[in-house]
Amino acid sequence: MKKDTLASKAFLEIRRKILSSQLLPNTRLKEDEWAKKLGVSRMAVREALTRLLGEDMLMLGEKGGYYIKPLLPVEIREIRELREVLELGAMQLSYNKMKGEQFERLEKICDDYASMAKKGYFNGALEADMKFHETLVEYSGNNKLLQVYRSSHIPLFQQKMGKSQIGIEDHEQTDAEHRQIIKALKQKNLNLAKETMIKQFARGEAVVLDLG
């Protein structure tokens, strides 16, 4: 496998673990350990970590080394605002052209989310939650918008928001909101879909800031 492909493999796997809360803020990521875990060279891991640093998901320690960067309160607020701009804009572009199979895919993600949460697999539920929102952006049909969304810190906000859901009631509310969004989009009720999304973001931001 080519070096750039190995570096991409390392980047995607480490990023996935950060976003699913398997790696927590301030955790140090050592090149040799990750090279062994992923079966790639240290150089490939170094390239992956450098890319994650460039995306502001990592920070450098005072004595060197890569650490997972925690989100500050001001960043959480700014990311919530960015989510509203991108995700509500995506719904504006997609709601008139979404079809049955697309709604079925969203409903399947909701079913996966609910099943994971009910079984106590909260990391899996978090991944399904992130997938729901990314899929909505994907349905906009705008690749530039999707690229901006994926390269932003929105998934990190989603991770912190997901970690705040400590009881099954929290997950049930999120599931209900997702299904309300789908129902509203099916009925071409864009305003209700947007209002539900905004309420979910505001609820998550408030809980995350309170926990912080």
Protein backbone atom coordinates (compact mmCIF):
# COMPACT_ATOMS: atom_id res chain seq x y z
CA MET A 1 0.00 0.00 0.00
CA LYS A 2 1.32 3.47 -0.91
CA LYS A 3 2.58 5.74 1.86
CA ASP A 4 -0.12 8.39 1.28
CA THR A 5 -2.79 5.68 1.42
CA LEU A 6 -1.38 4.37 4.70
CA ALA A 7 -1.29 7.89 6.11
CA SER A 8 -4.94 8.38 5.10
CA LYS A 9 -5.84 5.08 6.74
CA ALA A 10 -4.16 6.20 9.98
CA PHE A 11 -5.79 9.64 9.79
CA LEU A 12 -9.30 8.26 9.31
CA GLU A 13 -8.99 5.64 12.05
CA ILE A 14 -7.56 8.00 14.67
CA ARG A 15 -10.12 10.68 13.74
CA ARG A 16 -12.94 8.14 14.06
CA LYS A 17 -11.77 7.14 17.53
CA ILE A 18 -11.58 10.77 18.65
CA LEU A 19 -15.08 11.51 17.37
CA SER A 20 -16.60 8.40 18.94
CA SER A 21 -15.12 9.29 22.37
CA GLN A 22 -12.80 6.28 22.36
CA LEU A 23 -9.95 8.76 22.73
CA LEU A 24 -10.52 11.55 25.24
CA PRO A 25 -9.26 15.17 25.39
CA ASN A 26 -5.65 15.60 26.59
CA THR A 27 -4.77 11.99 25.68
CA ARG A 28 -1.29 11.71 24.20
CA LEU A 29 -0.98 9.92 20.85
CA LYS A 30 2.38 8.19 20.46
CA GLU A 31 3.66 7.46 16.97
CA ASP A 32 5.17 4.07 17.75
CA GLU A 33 2.06 2.80 19.54
CA TRP A 34 -0.27 3.81 16.75
CA ALA A 35 2.04 2.45 14.07
CA LYS A 36 1.88 -0.94 15.81
CA LYS A 37 -1.91 -0.76 16.35
CA LEU A 38 -2.65 0.16 12.75
CA GLY A 39 0.07 -1.89 11.05
CA VAL A 40 1.60 1.12 9.31
CA SER A 41 4.91 2.96 9.48
CA ARG A 42 5.70 5.66 12.02
CA MET A 43 6.06 8.07 9.10
CA ALA A 44 2.48 7.35 8.03
CA VAL A 45 1.26 7.96 11.59
CA ARG A 46 3.30 11.17 11.81
CA GLU A 47 1.66 12.43 8.61
CA ALA A 48 -1.77 11.55 10.01
CA LEU A 49 -1.09 13.34 13.30
CA THR A 50 0.26 16.38 11.46
CA ARG A 51 -2.94 16.52 9.43
CA LEU A 52 -5.07 16.23 12.57
CA LEU A 53 -2.99 19.01 14.12
CA GLY A 54 -3.65 21.15 11.04
CA GLU A 55 -7.38 20.52 11.45
CA ASP A 56 -7.05 21.73 15.06
CA MET A 57 -8.14 18.39 16.50
CA LEU A 58 -4.76 17.90 18.19
CA MET A 59 -2.36 20.18 20.02
CA LEU A 60 1.34 20.00 20.76
CA GLY A 61 2.48 19.39 24.32
CA GLU A 62 4.88 21.77 26.07
CA LYS A 63 7.65 19.19 25.74
CA GLY A 64 6.50 17.92 22.36
CA GLY A 65 4.14 15.15 21.42
CA TYR A 66 0.59 15.20 20.07
CA TYR A 67 -2.41 15.50 22.40
CA ILE A 68 -6.14 15.52 21.73
CA LYS A 69 -7.34 19.10 22.00
CA PRO A 70 -10.34 19.87 24.26
CA LEU A 71 -12.98 22.30 23.05
CA LEU A 72 -13.23 25.67 24.81
CA PRO A 73 -16.65 27.22 25.62
CA VAL A 74 -16.24 29.92 22.98
CA GLU A 75 -15.47 27.25 20.37
CA ILE A 76 -18.57 25.28 21.36
CA ARG A 77 -20.76 28.35 20.82
CA GLU A 78 -19.11 29.17 17.50
CA ILE A 79 -19.46 25.59 16.25
CA ARG A 80 -23.13 25.52 17.23
CA GLU A 81 -23.63 28.67 15.16
CA LEU A 82 -21.73 27.10 12.26
CA ARG A 83 -23.89 23.98 12.49
CA GLU A 84 -27.01 26.08 12.15
CA VAL A 85 -25.66 27.82 9.05
CA LEU A 86 -24.49 24.62 7.33
CA GLU A 87 -27.17 22.12 8.34
CA LEU A 88 -30.15 24.44 7.95
CA GLY A 89 -28.72 25.55 4.62
CA ALA A 90 -28.38 21.91 3.59
CA MET A 91 -32.02 21.26 4.46
CA GLN A 92 -33.03 24.31 2.42
CA LEU A 93 -31.28 22.76 -0.60
CA SER A 94 -32.49 19.19 -0.08
CA TYR A 95 -36.06 19.19 1.23
CA ASN A 96 -37.77 19.58 -2.15
CA LYS A 97 -35.78 16.80 -3.81
CA MET A 98 -35.59 14.14 -1.09
CA LYS A 99 -37.31 10.89 -2.09
CA GLY A 100 -38.57 7.74 -0.40
CA GLU A 101 -35.29 5.85 -0.35
CA GLN A 102 -33.53 8.80 1.25
CA PHE A 103 -36.12 9.03 4.01
CA GLU A 104 -35.83 5.27 4.51
CA ARG A 105 -32.07 5.62 4.95
CA LEU A 106 -32.55 8.32 7.59
CA GLU A 107 -35.15 6.20 9.38
CA LYS A 108 -32.74 3.24 9.36
CA ILE A 109 -30.10 5.45 11.00
CA CYS A 110 -32.69 6.44 13.63
CA ASP A 111 -33.47 2.77 14.27
CA ASP A 112 -29.74 2.02 14.67
CA TYR A 113 -29.37 4.95 17.05
CA ALA A 114 -32.32 3.87 19.20
CA SER A 115 -31.17 0.25 19.28
CA MET A 116 -27.61 1.18 20.29
CA ALA A 117 -28.81 3.56 23.02
CA LYS A 118 -31.29 1.02 24.41
CA LYS A 119 -28.55 -1.61 24.66
CA GLY A 120 -26.17 0.84 26.33
CA TYR A 121 -23.79 1.00 23.34
CA PHE A 122 -23.42 4.76 23.64
CA ASN A 123 -20.36 5.11 21.38
CA GLY A 124 -22.31 3.35 18.65
CA ALA A 125 -25.30 5.62 19.28
CA LEU A 126 -23.02 8.64 19.00
CA GLU A 127 -21.70 7.45 15.64
CA ALA A 128 -25.28 6.96 14.41
CA ASP A 129 -26.17 10.46 15.63
CA MET A 130 -23.27 11.97 13.70
CA LYS A 131 -24.22 9.88 10.65
CA PHE A 132 -27.78 11.24 10.75
CA HIS A 133 -26.63 14.86 10.57
CA GLU A 134 -23.91 14.23 7.98
CA THR A 135 -26.42 12.36 5.78
CA LEU A 136 -28.75 15.36 5.85
CA VAL A 137 -25.88 17.54 4.64
CA GLU A 138 -25.00 14.95 1.99
CA TYR A 139 -28.57 15.12 0.64
CA SER A 140 -28.03 18.79 -0.22
CA GLY A 141 -26.18 17.54 -3.29
CA ASN A 142 -23.54 20.22 -2.72
CA ASN A 143 -20.11 18.59 -2.47
CA LYS A 144 -18.42 21.81 -1.36
CA LEU A 145 -20.87 22.15 1.51
CA LEU A 146 -20.28 18.53 2.53
CA GLN A 147 -16.51 19.06 2.37
CA VAL A 148 -16.70 22.12 4.63
CA TYR A 149 -18.94 20.22 7.05
CA ARG A 150 -16.57 17.26 7.28
CA SER A 151 -13.47 19.41 7.74
CA SER A 152 -15.03 21.59 10.46
CA HIS A 153 -15.13 20.96 14.20
CA ILE A 154 -18.80 20.07 14.02
CA PRO A 155 -18.13 16.37 14.76
CA LEU A 156 -16.23 17.38 17.90
CA PHE A 157 -19.23 19.39 19.09
CA GLN A 158 -21.36 16.34 18.30
CA GLN A 159 -18.99 14.19 20.36
CA LYS A 160 -19.24 16.50 23.39
CA MET A 161 -22.98 16.74 22.98
CA GLY A 162 -23.26 12.95 22.79
CA LYS A 163 -21.21 12.50 25.95
CA SER A 164 -23.65 14.78 27.78
CA GLN A 165 -26.46 12.31 27.12
CA ILE A 166 -25.98 10.26 30.27
CA GLY A 167 -29.46 8.77 30.56
CA ILE A 168 -31.76 6.86 28.25
CA GLU A 169 -34.22 9.78 28.46
CA ASP A 170 -31.65 12.05 26.78
CA HIS A 171 -31.22 9.57 23.95
CA GLU A 172 -34.95 9.11 23.59
CA GLN A 173 -35.38 12.87 23.21
CA THR A 174 -32.67 13.02 20.55
CA ASP A 175 -34.29 10.11 18.71
CA ALA A 176 -37.69 11.83 18.88
CA GLU A 177 -36.19 15.04 17.48
CA HIS A 178 -34.55 13.17 14.59
CA ARG A 179 -37.83 11.48 13.71
CA GLN A 180 -39.69 14.80 13.95
CA ILE A 181 -37.21 16.30 11.47
CA ILE A 182 -37.81 13.42 9.04
CA LYS A 183 -41.59 13.73 9.40
CA ALA A 184 -41.46 17.48 8.81
CA LEU A 185 -39.28 17.06 5.71
CA LYS A 186 -41.65 14.43 4.34
CA GLN A 187 -44.51 16.90 4.76
CA LYS A 188 -42.41 19.66 3.16
CA ASN A 189 -42.66 21.59 6.41
CA LEU A 190 -39.23 23.15 6.26
CA ASN A 191 -39.85 25.60 9.10
CA LEU A 192 -40.75 22.84 11.57
CA ALA A 193 -37.69 20.80 10.53
CA LYS A 194 -35.47 23.83 11.08
CA GLU A 195 -37.07 24.72 14.42
CA THR A 196 -36.58 21.17 15.69
CA MET A 197 -32.95 21.15 14.61
CA ILE A 198 -32.25 24.52 16.25
CA LYS A 199 -33.82 23.36 19.52
CA GLN A 200 -31.65 20.24 19.49
CA PHE A 201 -28.49 22.27 18.95
CA ALA A 202 -29.41 24.75 21.69
CA ARG A 203 -30.22 21.94 24.13
CA GLY A 204 -26.91 20.24 23.42
CA GLU A 205 -24.91 23.45 23.73
CA ALA A 206 -26.52 24.32 27.07
CA VAL A 207 -25.81 20.91 28.58
CA VAL A 208 -22.25 20.77 27.25
CA LEU A 209 -21.39 24.23 28.57
CA ASP A 210 -22.96 23.38 31.94
CA LEU A 211 -20.86 20.21 32.18
CA GLY A 212 -17.74 22.09 31.16
